[in-house]
């Protein structure tokens, strides 16, 4: 079996931190921003983590080169 390739779509959206958690960016920040409060938009700027362990495992599998 050949080498496993990195999933390029996932690689652009997710990063693995030093401690092994998977970092993600939040949705709902691209358009229709006028009705969203400044506080909400500020919170959306900050990156989050993938919450469930199953999803983390799946993402790491997609990201391994």
C-alpha atoms as a PDB file:
ATOM      1  CA  UNK A   1       0.000   0.000   0.000  1.00  0.00           C
ATOM      2  CA  UNK A   2       1.278   3.481  -0.887  1.00  0.00           C
ATOM      3  CA  UNK A   3       1.859   6.422   1.372  1.00  0.00           C
ATOM      4  CA  UNK A   4      -1.128   8.165   2.890  1.00  0.00           C
ATOM      5  CA  UNK A   5      -1.685  11.659   1.495  1.00  0.00           C
ATOM      6  CA  UNK A   6      -2.630  14.725   3.495  1.00  0.00           C
ATOM      7  CA  UNK A   7      -6.219  15.863   2.907  1.00  0.00           C
ATOM      8  CA  UNK A   8      -5.524  19.333   1.519  1.00  0.00           C
ATOM      9  CA  UNK A   9      -8.988  20.712   2.331  1.00  0.00           C
ATOM     10  CA  UNK A  10      -8.554  19.731   5.983  1.00  0.00           C
ATOM     11  CA  UNK A  11      -4.948  20.980   6.070  1.00  0.00           C
ATOM     12  CA  UNK A  12      -6.129  24.483   5.126  1.00  0.00           C
ATOM     13  CA  UNK A  13      -8.774  24.535   7.866  1.00  0.00           C
ATOM     14  CA  UNK A  14      -7.245  22.695  10.826  1.00  0.00           C
ATOM     15  CA  UNK A  15      -3.907  22.703  12.660  1.00  0.00           C
ATOM     16  CA  UNK A  16      -2.610  20.342  15.341  1.00  0.00           C
ATOM     17  CA  UNK A  17      -1.333  22.143  18.458  1.00  0.00           C
ATOM     18  CA  UNK A  18       1.806  21.203  20.353  1.00  0.00           C
ATOM     19  CA  UNK A  19      -0.220  19.281  22.930  1.00  0.00           C
ATOM     20  CA  UNK A  20      -1.969  17.286  20.188  1.00  0.00           C
ATOM     21  CA  UNK A  21      -5.337  19.054  20.166  1.00  0.00           C
ATOM     22  CA  UNK A  22      -6.875  20.103  16.850  1.00  0.00           C
ATOM     23  CA  UNK A  23      -7.454  23.817  16.328  1.00  0.00           C
ATOM     24  CA  UNK A  24     -10.271  25.088  14.123  1.00  0.00           C
ATOM     25  CA  UNK A  25     -11.676  28.422  13.019  1.00  0.00           C
ATOM     26  CA  UNK A  26     -15.243  29.439  13.738  1.00  0.00           C
ATOM     27  CA  UNK A  27     -18.025  29.680  11.175  1.00  0.00           C
ATOM     28  CA  UNK A  28     -20.501  32.551  10.510  1.00  0.00           C
ATOM     29  CA  UNK A  29     -17.848  35.241   9.999  1.00  0.00           C
ATOM     30  CA  UNK A  30     -17.922  35.670   6.214  1.00  0.00           C
ATOM     31  CA  UNK A  31     -21.052  37.681   5.348  1.00  0.00           C
ATOM     32  CA  UNK A  32     -24.254  39.261   6.740  1.00  0.00           C
ATOM     33  CA  UNK A  33     -22.176  40.879   9.482  1.00  0.00           C
ATOM     34  CA  UNK A  34     -24.251  44.030   9.987  1.00  0.00           C
ATOM     35  CA  UNK A  35     -26.845  42.371  12.195  1.00  0.00           C
ATOM     36  CA  UNK A  36     -24.246  40.549  14.323  1.00  0.00           C
ATOM     37  CA  UNK A  37     -23.039  42.363  17.412  1.00  0.00           C
ATOM     38  CA  UNK A  38     -19.441  43.541  17.774  1.00  0.00           C
ATOM     39  CA  UNK A  39     -19.023  41.184  20.720  1.00  0.00           C
ATOM     40  CA  UNK A  40     -20.179  38.201  18.659  1.00  0.00           C
ATOM     41  CA  UNK A  41     -17.864  39.076  15.751  1.00  0.00           C
ATOM     42  CA  UNK A  42     -14.944  39.494  18.162  1.00  0.00           C
ATOM     43  CA  UNK A  43     -15.607  36.032  19.621  1.00  0.00           C
ATOM     44  CA  UNK A  44     -15.781  34.508  16.130  1.00  0.00           C
ATOM     45  CA  UNK A  45     -12.285  35.825  15.390  1.00  0.00           C
ATOM     46  CA  UNK A  46     -10.741  33.561  18.010  1.00  0.00           C
ATOM     47  CA  UNK A  47      -9.927  29.983  17.107  1.00  0.00           C
ATOM     48  CA  UNK A  48     -11.585  27.096  18.905  1.00  0.00           C
ATOM     49  CA  UNK A  49     -10.750  23.453  19.460  1.00  0.00           C
ATOM     50  CA  UNK A  50     -12.480  20.353  18.134  1.00  0.00           C
ATOM     51  CA  UNK A  51     -14.514  19.161  21.094  1.00  0.00           C
ATOM     52  CA  UNK A  52     -15.121  15.431  20.641  1.00  0.00           C
ATOM     53  CA  UNK A  53     -12.357  12.842  20.724  1.00  0.00           C
ATOM     54  CA  UNK A  54     -13.807  10.949  17.737  1.00  0.00           C
ATOM     55  CA  UNK A  55     -13.653  14.037  15.538  1.00  0.00           C
ATOM     56  CA  UNK A  56     -10.122  14.798  16.744  1.00  0.00           C
ATOM     57  CA  UNK A  57      -8.988  11.296  15.795  1.00  0.00           C
ATOM     58  CA  UNK A  58     -10.587  11.620  12.334  1.00  0.00           C
ATOM     59  CA  UNK A  59      -8.951  15.014  11.722  1.00  0.00           C
ATOM     60  CA  UNK A  60      -5.515  13.763  12.749  1.00  0.00           C
ATOM     61  CA  UNK A  61      -5.885  10.907  10.280  1.00  0.00           C
ATOM     62  CA  UNK A  62      -6.722  13.386   7.484  1.00  0.00           C
ATOM     63  CA  UNK A  63      -3.816  15.658   8.427  1.00  0.00           C
ATOM     64  CA  UNK A  64      -1.047  13.069   8.689  1.00  0.00           C
ATOM     65  CA  UNK A  65       1.305  13.217   5.735  1.00  0.00           C
END
